[in-house]
Amino acid sequence: MEAADLTRGQQRKAVEQSIDVMQATHSHLFRFFKEGLLPHEALEYTDLLINCMNKEKAISKLRILVE
């Protein structure tokens, strides 16, 4: 995203939209995705959710991680 010269706000919006699209189209694959993450990748993903989404959406996504 930095290479695309997006502002921080534009980056956050793009990430939030990407996560929404992934949830709508690939939510059935999420359990497979999270099992394949290394510990540091899981932390990076969690950080991305917290920093790029509104609080309610981030909490909703994080609940899926612990199911």
C-alpha atoms as a PDB file:
ATOM      1  CA  MET A   1       0.000   0.000   0.000  1.00  0.00           C
ATOM      2  CA  GLU A   2       2.903   2.290   0.603  1.00  0.00           C
ATOM      3  CA  ALA A   3       4.018   1.665  -2.972  1.00  0.00           C
ATOM      4  CA  ALA A   4       0.578   2.791  -4.156  1.00  0.00           C
ATOM      5  CA  ASP A   5       1.219   6.059  -2.289  1.00  0.00           C
ATOM      6  CA  LEU A   6      -1.963   5.786  -0.215  1.00  0.00           C
ATOM      7  CA  THR A   7      -2.450   7.917   2.858  1.00  0.00           C
ATOM      8  CA  ARG A   8      -2.785   6.182   6.221  1.00  0.00           C
ATOM      9  CA  GLY A   9      -6.549   6.755   6.104  1.00  0.00           C
ATOM     10  CA  GLN A  10      -6.791   5.319   2.591  1.00  0.00           C
ATOM     11  CA  GLN A  11      -4.753   2.296   3.694  1.00  0.00           C
ATOM     12  CA  ARG A  12      -7.099   1.659   6.613  1.00  0.00           C
ATOM     13  CA  LYS A  13     -10.163   1.962   4.374  1.00  0.00           C
ATOM     14  CA  ALA A  14      -8.660  -0.434   1.800  1.00  0.00           C
ATOM     15  CA  VAL A  15      -7.820  -3.016   4.466  1.00  0.00           C
ATOM     16  CA  GLU A  16     -11.292  -2.747   6.016  1.00  0.00           C
ATOM     17  CA  GLN A  17     -12.935  -3.185   2.621  1.00  0.00           C
ATOM     18  CA  SER A  18     -10.677  -6.153   1.821  1.00  0.00           C
ATOM     19  CA  ILE A  19     -11.573  -7.862   5.088  1.00  0.00           C
ATOM     20  CA  ASP A  20     -15.288  -7.292   4.440  1.00  0.00           C
ATOM     21  CA  VAL A  21     -14.979  -8.820   0.962  1.00  0.00           C
ATOM     22  CA  MET A  22     -13.018 -11.791   2.304  1.00  0.00           C
ATOM     23  CA  GLN A  23     -15.640 -12.388   4.971  1.00  0.00           C
ATOM     24  CA  ALA A  24     -18.459 -12.238   2.431  1.00  0.00           C
ATOM     25  CA  THR A  25     -16.791 -14.528  -0.107  1.00  0.00           C
ATOM     26  CA  HIS A  26     -14.387 -16.766   1.838  1.00  0.00           C
ATOM     27  CA  SER A  27     -15.680 -16.925   5.429  1.00  0.00           C
ATOM     28  CA  HIS A  28     -16.055 -20.699   5.166  1.00  0.00           C
ATOM     29  CA  LEU A  29     -12.265 -20.918   4.662  1.00  0.00           C
ATOM     30  CA  PHE A  30     -11.337 -18.766   7.660  1.00  0.00           C
ATOM     31  CA  ARG A  31     -10.733 -21.695  10.026  1.00  0.00           C
ATOM     32  CA  PHE A  32      -8.297 -23.184   7.469  1.00  0.00           C
ATOM     33  CA  PHE A  33      -6.597 -19.782   7.086  1.00  0.00           C
ATOM     34  CA  LYS A  34      -6.102 -19.172  10.805  1.00  0.00           C
ATOM     35  CA  GLU A  35      -4.719 -22.677  11.400  1.00  0.00           C
ATOM     36  CA  GLY A  36      -2.005 -21.988   8.837  1.00  0.00           C
ATOM     37  CA  LEU A  37      -0.742 -18.822  10.516  1.00  0.00           C
ATOM     38  CA  LEU A  38       2.532 -18.829  12.393  1.00  0.00           C
ATOM     39  CA  PRO A  39       2.341 -17.176  15.840  1.00  0.00           C
ATOM     40  CA  HIS A  40       3.910 -13.924  14.658  1.00  0.00           C
ATOM     41  CA  GLU A  41       1.577 -13.860  11.631  1.00  0.00           C
ATOM     42  CA  ALA A  42      -1.447 -14.289  13.901  1.00  0.00           C
ATOM     43  CA  LEU A  43      -0.263 -11.313  15.955  1.00  0.00           C
ATOM     44  CA  GLU A  44       0.246  -9.218  12.831  1.00  0.00           C
ATOM     45  CA  TYR A  45      -3.242 -10.145  11.599  1.00  0.00           C
ATOM     46  CA  THR A  46      -4.747  -9.282  14.977  1.00  0.00           C
ATOM     47  CA  ASP A  47      -2.924  -5.954  14.983  1.00  0.00           C
ATOM     48  CA  LEU A  48      -4.205  -5.235  11.485  1.00  0.00           C
ATOM     49  CA  LEU A  49      -7.790  -5.900  12.565  1.00  0.00           C
ATOM     50  CA  ILE A  50      -7.501  -3.688  15.619  1.00  0.00           C
ATOM     51  CA  ASN A  51      -5.871  -0.794  13.794  1.00  0.00           C
ATOM     52  CA  CYS A  52      -7.828  -0.819  10.542  1.00  0.00           C
ATOM     53  CA  MET A  53     -11.407  -1.461  11.575  1.00  0.00           C
ATOM     54  CA  ASN A  54     -13.939   0.183  13.781  1.00  0.00           C
ATOM     55  CA  LYS A  55     -14.120  -1.298  17.255  1.00  0.00           C
ATOM     56  CA  GLU A  56     -17.304  -3.340  16.771  1.00  0.00           C
ATOM     57  CA  LYS A  57     -16.115  -4.956  13.535  1.00  0.00           C
ATOM     58  CA  ALA A  58     -12.694  -5.721  15.019  1.00  0.00           C
ATOM     59  CA  ILE A  59     -14.270  -7.408  18.046  1.00  0.00           C
ATOM     60  CA  SER A  60     -16.498  -9.467  15.769  1.00  0.00           C
ATOM     61  CA  LYS A  61     -13.525 -10.647  13.703  1.00  0.00           C
ATOM     62  CA  LEU A  62     -11.410 -11.376  16.778  1.00  0.00           C
ATOM     63  CA  ARG A  63     -14.159 -13.590  18.207  1.00  0.00           C
ATOM     64  CA  ILE A  64     -13.769 -15.802  15.150  1.00  0.00           C
ATOM     65  CA  LEU A  65     -10.066 -16.248  15.975  1.00  0.00           C
ATOM     66  CA  VAL A  66     -10.806 -17.786  19.353  1.00  0.00           C
ATOM     67  CA  GLU A  67     -13.674 -20.057  18.314  1.00  0.00           C
END
